[in-house]
């Protein structure tokens, strides 16, 4: 693992300032190592932004944004969208999916 110099930390912080907060949640989630469901990311966002009177299903308002940003990230090659453990084309994302760090097994169809 490369050493983090002050220059690396500064450039990393600049990138984080420019990125959409939802993208940051997705990237942090996939960098933890295992595939993660969009619902779990939406719940994490809702929990972080919850107020005392927030409904239990407040995560639902973040769900679509998480999926849209994940498609964007997958098209850039920054993450993979998985169905049944295999990478799929982000343009064909539907049903139960998970996100992970990039993998190279998209079927040719």
Protein backbone atom coordinates (compact mmCIF):
# COMPACT_ATOMS: atom_id res chain seq x y z
CA UNK A 1 0.00 0.00 0.00
CA UNK A 2 1.50 3.37 -1.01
CA UNK A 3 2.38 5.89 1.65
CA UNK A 4 0.06 8.87 1.91
CA UNK A 5 2.03 12.05 1.44
CA UNK A 6 0.59 15.46 2.24
CA UNK A 7 0.25 16.09 -1.51
CA UNK A 8 -1.77 12.86 -1.97
CA UNK A 9 -4.02 13.75 0.96
CA UNK A 10 -4.64 17.23 -0.43
CA UNK A 11 -5.53 15.96 -3.91
CA UNK A 12 -7.78 13.29 -2.38
CA UNK A 13 -9.58 15.95 -0.32
CA UNK A 14 -10.01 18.12 -3.42
CA UNK A 15 -11.60 15.23 -5.28
CA UNK A 16 -13.97 14.61 -2.38
CA UNK A 17 -15.02 18.27 -2.37
CA UNK A 18 -15.90 18.09 -6.08
CA UNK A 19 -17.80 14.78 -5.94
CA UNK A 20 -21.49 14.40 -5.25
CA UNK A 21 -21.97 13.22 -1.64
CA UNK A 22 -23.85 10.14 -2.84
CA UNK A 23 -20.88 9.12 -4.98
CA UNK A 24 -18.68 9.36 -1.90
CA UNK A 25 -21.01 7.04 0.03
CA UNK A 26 -21.00 4.52 -2.83
CA UNK A 27 -17.21 4.60 -3.19
CA UNK A 28 -16.66 4.22 0.57
CA UNK A 29 -19.08 1.30 0.66
CA UNK A 30 -17.43 -0.64 -2.18
CA UNK A 31 -13.94 0.10 -0.89
CA UNK A 32 -14.78 -1.80 2.30
CA UNK A 33 -14.26 -4.95 0.28
CA UNK A 34 -17.52 -6.77 -0.35
CA UNK A 35 -20.44 -6.21 -2.69
CA UNK A 36 -23.03 -3.84 -1.27
CA UNK A 37 -26.72 -3.40 -2.07
CA UNK A 38 -28.01 0.03 -3.10
CA UNK A 39 -30.56 -0.17 -0.27
CA UNK A 40 -27.76 -0.46 2.30
CA UNK A 41 -26.08 2.67 0.95
CA UNK A 42 -29.39 4.57 0.94
CA UNK A 43 -29.99 3.51 4.55
CA UNK A 44 -26.52 4.71 5.55
CA UNK A 45 -27.13 8.10 3.92
CA UNK A 46 -30.54 8.44 5.59
CA UNK A 47 -29.12 7.46 8.98
CA UNK A 48 -26.34 10.04 8.66
CA UNK A 49 -28.84 12.75 7.74
CA UNK A 50 -31.63 11.68 10.09
CA UNK A 51 -33.37 14.08 12.36
CA UNK A 52 -35.30 13.27 15.49
CA UNK A 53 -38.63 13.14 13.64
CA UNK A 54 -37.39 11.36 10.48
CA UNK A 55 -39.51 8.40 9.35
CA UNK A 56 -37.98 4.92 9.44
CA UNK A 57 -38.23 4.63 5.65
CA UNK A 58 -36.46 7.94 4.95
CA UNK A 59 -33.83 5.90 3.06
CA UNK A 60 -36.30 5.49 0.18
CA UNK A 61 -35.81 9.08 -0.96
CA UNK A 62 -32.09 8.35 -1.54
CA UNK A 63 -32.55 4.96 -3.24
CA UNK A 64 -33.06 6.21 -6.83
CA UNK A 65 -30.18 8.70 -6.54
CA UNK A 66 -27.87 5.92 -5.32
CA UNK A 67 -28.80 3.75 -8.32
CA UNK A 68 -28.39 6.63 -10.79
CA UNK A 69 -24.98 7.60 -9.42
CA UNK A 70 -23.91 3.94 -9.44
CA UNK A 71 -24.74 3.73 -13.16
CA UNK A 72 -22.64 6.83 -13.72
CA UNK A 73 -19.72 5.35 -11.77
CA UNK A 74 -20.00 2.01 -13.58
CA UNK A 75 -19.93 3.72 -16.96
CA UNK A 76 -16.70 5.44 -15.87
CA UNK A 77 -15.26 2.07 -14.80
CA UNK A 78 -14.97 3.09 -11.14
CA UNK A 79 -17.32 0.37 -9.86
CA UNK A 80 -19.08 -2.73 -11.18
CA UNK A 81 -22.78 -3.46 -10.95
CA UNK A 82 -23.34 -7.12 -10.10
CA UNK A 83 -26.32 -9.38 -10.61
CA UNK A 84 -25.95 -12.86 -9.15
CA UNK A 85 -22.29 -12.11 -8.52
CA UNK A 86 -21.42 -11.24 -12.13
CA UNK A 87 -20.78 -7.80 -13.60
CA UNK A 88 -23.53 -6.48 -15.86
CA UNK A 89 -23.82 -3.63 -18.32
CA UNK A 90 -24.84 -0.54 -16.30
CA UNK A 91 -27.38 0.34 -19.00
CA UNK A 92 -29.19 -2.94 -18.27
CA UNK A 93 -29.39 -2.48 -14.51
CA UNK A 94 -32.69 -3.70 -13.10
CA UNK A 95 -33.83 -6.00 -10.35
CA UNK A 96 -31.65 -7.01 -7.44
CA UNK A 97 -28.13 -5.74 -7.89
CA UNK A 98 -25.07 -5.02 -5.78
CA UNK A 99 -22.10 -2.75 -6.30
CA UNK A 100 -18.42 -3.65 -6.00
CA UNK A 101 -14.99 -2.50 -7.03
CA UNK A 102 -14.47 -3.05 -10.79
CA UNK A 103 -14.44 -6.66 -12.04
CA UNK A 104 -13.90 -7.93 -15.58
CA UNK A 105 -16.62 -10.43 -16.42
CA UNK A 106 -19.33 -8.58 -18.38
CA UNK A 107 -20.89 -11.04 -20.81
CA UNK A 108 -20.79 -10.13 -24.51
CA UNK A 109 -24.41 -9.85 -25.69
